[in-house]
């Protein structure tokens, strides 16, 4: 299945793109997707503990099962003032 991943803020700079597509096996999870991303973009691994991940309009955890055509957002923690 194919999923589109959008990177935000400094993660976009580390990824070298604002958006990438990944092919994953059926029933893959967010955790599987992150492992694949880290293989291709090792610089993002250092941010692993602080990532916020959204599928569509909801925040999801690493056990969330992906669906074909999902749009995943990966962003740093939100800070406000």
N, C-alpha and C. Protein backbone atom coordinates (compact mmCIF):
# COMPACT_ATOMS: atom_id res chain seq x y z
N UNK A 1 0.84 -1.17 0.00
CA UNK A 1 0.00 0.00 0.00
C UNK A 1 0.89 1.23 0.00
N UNK A 2 0.36 2.30 -0.50
CA UNK A 2 1.10 3.55 -0.57
C UNK A 2 0.51 4.55 0.41
N UNK A 3 1.39 5.21 1.18
CA UNK A 3 0.95 6.28 2.08
C UNK A 3 1.80 7.52 1.81
N UNK A 4 1.19 8.66 1.98
CA UNK A 4 1.89 9.94 1.80
C UNK A 4 2.22 10.49 3.18
N UNK A 5 3.45 10.93 3.34
CA UNK A 5 3.92 11.47 4.61
C UNK A 5 4.31 12.93 4.41
N UNK A 6 3.77 13.79 5.25
CA UNK A 6 4.11 15.20 5.22
C UNK A 6 4.94 15.52 6.46
N UNK A 7 6.03 16.26 6.25
CA UNK A 7 6.93 16.65 7.33
C UNK A 7 6.77 18.15 7.58
N UNK A 8 6.81 18.54 8.86
CA UNK A 8 6.60 19.93 9.23
C UNK A 8 7.79 20.50 10.00
N UNK A 9 7.93 21.82 9.92
CA UNK A 9 8.95 22.60 10.64
C UNK A 9 10.35 22.06 10.36
N UNK A 10 11.17 21.91 11.39
CA UNK A 10 12.56 21.47 11.18
C UNK A 10 12.65 20.05 10.65
N UNK A 11 11.61 19.24 10.83
CA UNK A 11 11.62 17.87 10.29
C UNK A 11 11.64 17.90 8.77
N UNK A 12 11.01 18.90 8.18
CA UNK A 12 11.02 19.07 6.72
C UNK A 12 12.45 19.29 6.24
N UNK A 13 13.20 20.11 6.98
CA UNK A 13 14.60 20.36 6.62
C UNK A 13 15.44 19.09 6.74
N UNK A 14 15.24 18.33 7.81
CA UNK A 14 15.99 17.09 7.99
C UNK A 14 15.65 16.06 6.92
N UNK A 15 14.38 16.01 6.51
CA UNK A 15 13.95 15.05 5.51
C UNK A 15 14.36 15.47 4.10
N UNK A 16 14.62 16.77 3.93
CA UNK A 16 14.98 17.27 2.60
C UNK A 16 13.79 17.41 1.67
N UNK A 17 12.59 17.29 2.20
CA UNK A 17 11.36 17.41 1.42
C UNK A 17 10.20 17.65 2.36
N UNK A 18 9.17 18.29 1.86
CA UNK A 18 7.99 18.50 2.70
C UNK A 18 7.04 17.30 2.65
N UNK A 19 7.21 16.46 1.62
CA UNK A 19 6.29 15.34 1.45
C UNK A 19 7.00 14.20 0.72
N UNK A 20 6.78 12.98 1.18
CA UNK A 20 7.33 11.78 0.54
C UNK A 20 6.27 10.69 0.53
N UNK A 21 6.36 9.78 -0.42
CA UNK A 21 5.48 8.62 -0.49
C UNK A 21 6.26 7.36 -0.12
N UNK A 22 5.60 6.45 0.60
CA UNK A 22 6.23 5.20 1.01
C UNK A 22 5.31 4.04 0.67
N UNK A 23 5.89 2.97 0.12
CA UNK A 23 5.16 1.73 -0.11
C UNK A 23 5.42 0.80 1.07
N UNK A 24 4.37 0.30 1.65
CA UNK A 24 4.46 -0.57 2.82
C UNK A 24 3.56 -1.78 2.62
N UNK A 25 3.85 -2.88 3.33
CA UNK A 25 2.97 -4.06 3.23
C UNK A 25 1.61 -3.79 3.87
N UNK A 26 0.62 -4.56 3.48
CA UNK A 26 -0.71 -4.46 4.10
C UNK A 26 -0.59 -4.68 5.60
N UNK A 27 -1.45 -4.01 6.34
CA UNK A 27 -1.51 -4.09 7.81
C UNK A 27 -0.29 -3.49 8.51
N UNK A 28 0.50 -2.69 7.78
CA UNK A 28 1.63 -2.00 8.40
C UNK A 28 1.10 -0.97 9.40
N UNK A 29 1.91 -0.67 10.40
CA UNK A 29 1.53 0.30 11.44
C UNK A 29 2.39 1.56 11.31
N UNK A 30 2.05 2.55 12.11
CA UNK A 30 2.87 3.76 12.17
C UNK A 30 4.30 3.39 12.57
N UNK A 31 4.45 2.45 13.49
CA UNK A 31 5.79 2.00 13.90
C UNK A 31 6.58 1.43 12.72
N UNK A 32 5.91 0.66 11.86
CA UNK A 32 6.56 0.13 10.66
C UNK A 32 6.96 1.26 9.72
N UNK A 33 6.07 2.22 9.57
CA UNK A 33 6.36 3.38 8.72
C UNK A 33 7.57 4.14 9.24
N UNK A 34 7.60 4.40 10.55
CA UNK A 34 8.74 5.12 11.11
C UNK A 34 10.05 4.36 10.89
N UNK A 35 10.03 3.05 11.07
CA UNK A 35 11.24 2.25 10.82
C UNK A 35 11.71 2.44 9.39
N UNK A 36 10.78 2.44 8.45
CA UNK A 36 11.12 2.64 7.03
C UNK A 36 11.67 4.03 6.79
N UNK A 37 11.05 5.03 7.39
CA UNK A 37 11.53 6.41 7.24
C UNK A 37 12.95 6.53 7.78
N UNK A 38 13.23 5.94 8.95
CA UNK A 38 14.56 6.04 9.54
C UNK A 38 15.61 5.33 8.70
N UNK A 39 15.23 4.28 7.98
CA UNK A 39 16.17 3.62 7.08
C UNK A 39 16.59 4.57 5.96
N UNK A 40 15.63 5.33 5.44
CA UNK A 40 15.90 6.22 4.32
C UNK A 40 16.41 7.59 4.75
N UNK A 41 16.02 8.03 5.95
CA UNK A 41 16.40 9.36 6.44
C UNK A 41 16.88 9.21 7.88
N UNK A 42 18.09 8.71 8.10
CA UNK A 42 18.58 8.44 9.46
C UNK A 42 18.59 9.67 10.37
N UNK A 43 18.72 10.87 9.82
CA UNK A 43 18.76 12.08 10.65
C UNK A 43 17.48 12.27 11.45
N UNK A 44 16.37 11.71 11.01
CA UNK A 44 15.11 11.88 11.74
C UNK A 44 15.03 11.01 12.99
N UNK A 45 15.84 9.95 13.06
CA UNK A 45 15.79 9.04 14.20
C UNK A 45 16.06 9.76 15.52
N UNK A 46 16.90 10.78 15.50
CA UNK A 46 17.24 11.49 16.74
C UNK A 46 16.03 12.23 17.32
N UNK A 47 14.99 12.44 16.53
CA UNK A 47 13.78 13.13 17.00
C UNK A 47 12.67 12.17 17.39
N UNK A 48 12.94 10.87 17.34
CA UNK A 48 11.91 9.85 17.51
C UNK A 48 11.06 10.03 18.77
N UNK A 49 11.65 10.31 19.88
CA UNK A 49 10.92 10.37 21.17
C UNK A 49 9.93 11.53 21.25
N UNK A 50 10.13 12.55 20.40
CA UNK A 50 9.29 13.74 20.54
C UNK A 50 8.33 13.97 19.37
N UNK A 51 8.22 13.03 18.45
CA UNK A 51 7.36 13.22 17.29
C UNK A 51 5.89 13.18 17.63
N UNK A 52 5.13 14.04 16.98
CA UNK A 52 3.68 13.97 16.99
C UNK A 52 3.27 13.44 15.63
N UNK A 53 2.35 12.47 15.60
CA UNK A 53 1.98 11.82 14.36
C UNK A 53 0.48 11.88 14.19
N UNK A 54 0.06 12.35 13.03
CA UNK A 54 -1.35 12.42 12.73
C UNK A 54 -1.69 11.59 11.51
N UNK A 55 -2.86 10.97 11.53
CA UNK A 55 -3.41 10.26 10.37
C UNK A 55 -4.71 10.97 10.05
N UNK A 56 -4.75 11.64 8.91
CA UNK A 56 -5.92 12.46 8.61
C UNK A 56 -5.94 13.64 9.56
N UNK A 57 -7.00 13.75 10.34
CA UNK A 57 -7.13 14.89 11.28
C UNK A 57 -7.00 14.47 12.73
N UNK A 58 -6.56 13.24 12.99
CA UNK A 58 -6.43 12.74 14.36
C UNK A 58 -4.98 12.40 14.69
N UNK A 59 -4.57 12.66 15.93
CA UNK A 59 -3.28 12.17 16.39
C UNK A 59 -3.41 10.68 16.66
N UNK A 60 -2.37 9.92 16.30
CA UNK A 60 -2.40 8.47 16.46
C UNK A 60 -1.13 7.99 17.14
N UNK A 61 -1.18 6.76 17.67
CA UNK A 61 0.01 6.18 18.28
C UNK A 61 0.70 5.25 17.29
N UNK A 62 1.77 4.66 17.72
CA UNK A 62 2.61 3.85 16.82
C UNK A 62 1.98 2.50 16.47
N UNK A 63 0.92 2.12 17.16
CA UNK A 63 0.23 0.87 16.85
C UNK A 63 -0.91 1.07 15.85
N UNK A 64 -1.16 2.29 15.47
CA UNK A 64 -2.23 2.60 14.52
C UNK A 64 -1.96 1.88 13.19
N UNK A 65 -2.94 1.11 12.72
CA UNK A 65 -2.79 0.39 11.45
C UNK A 65 -3.10 1.32 10.28
N UNK A 66 -2.17 1.37 9.35
CA UNK A 66 -2.31 2.23 8.18
C UNK A 66 -3.29 1.64 7.18
N UNK A 67 -3.89 2.53 6.39
CA UNK A 67 -4.79 2.13 5.31
C UNK A 67 -4.24 2.69 4.00
N UNK A 68 -4.50 2.00 2.89
CA UNK A 68 -4.01 2.52 1.60
C UNK A 68 -4.48 3.95 1.38
N UNK A 69 -3.56 4.79 0.92
CA UNK A 69 -3.89 6.18 0.64
C UNK A 69 -3.88 7.09 1.85
N UNK A 70 -3.53 6.58 3.02
CA UNK A 70 -3.47 7.43 4.22
C UNK A 70 -2.54 8.61 4.00
N UNK A 71 -2.89 9.73 4.59
CA UNK A 71 -2.02 10.90 4.63
C UNK A 71 -1.57 11.07 6.07
N UNK A 72 -0.27 10.91 6.27
CA UNK A 72 0.31 10.94 7.61
C UNK A 72 1.10 12.24 7.78
N UNK A 73 0.90 12.90 8.89
CA UNK A 73 1.64 14.11 9.23
C UNK A 73 2.61 13.80 10.36
N UNK A 74 3.86 14.20 10.18
CA UNK A 74 4.87 14.02 11.22
C UNK A 74 5.40 15.40 11.58
N UNK A 75 5.27 15.74 12.86
CA UNK A 75 5.63 17.09 13.28
C UNK A 75 6.34 17.08 14.63
N UNK A 76 7.09 18.13 14.88
CA UNK A 76 7.72 18.26 16.20
C UNK A 76 6.68 18.67 17.23
N UNK A 77 7.03 18.61 18.51
CA UNK A 77 6.09 19.05 19.55
C UNK A 77 5.68 20.49 19.30
N UNK A 78 4.45 20.79 19.62
CA UNK A 78 3.92 22.14 19.45
C UNK A 78 4.26 22.96 20.67
N UNK A 79 4.75 24.17 20.43
CA UNK A 79 5.07 25.07 21.55
C UNK A 79 4.31 26.36 21.33
N UNK A 80 3.86 26.92 22.40
CA UNK A 80 3.14 28.18 22.29
C UNK A 80 3.64 29.17 23.32
N UNK A 81 3.14 30.34 23.26
CA UNK A 81 3.61 31.35 24.20
C UNK A 81 2.52 32.25 24.65
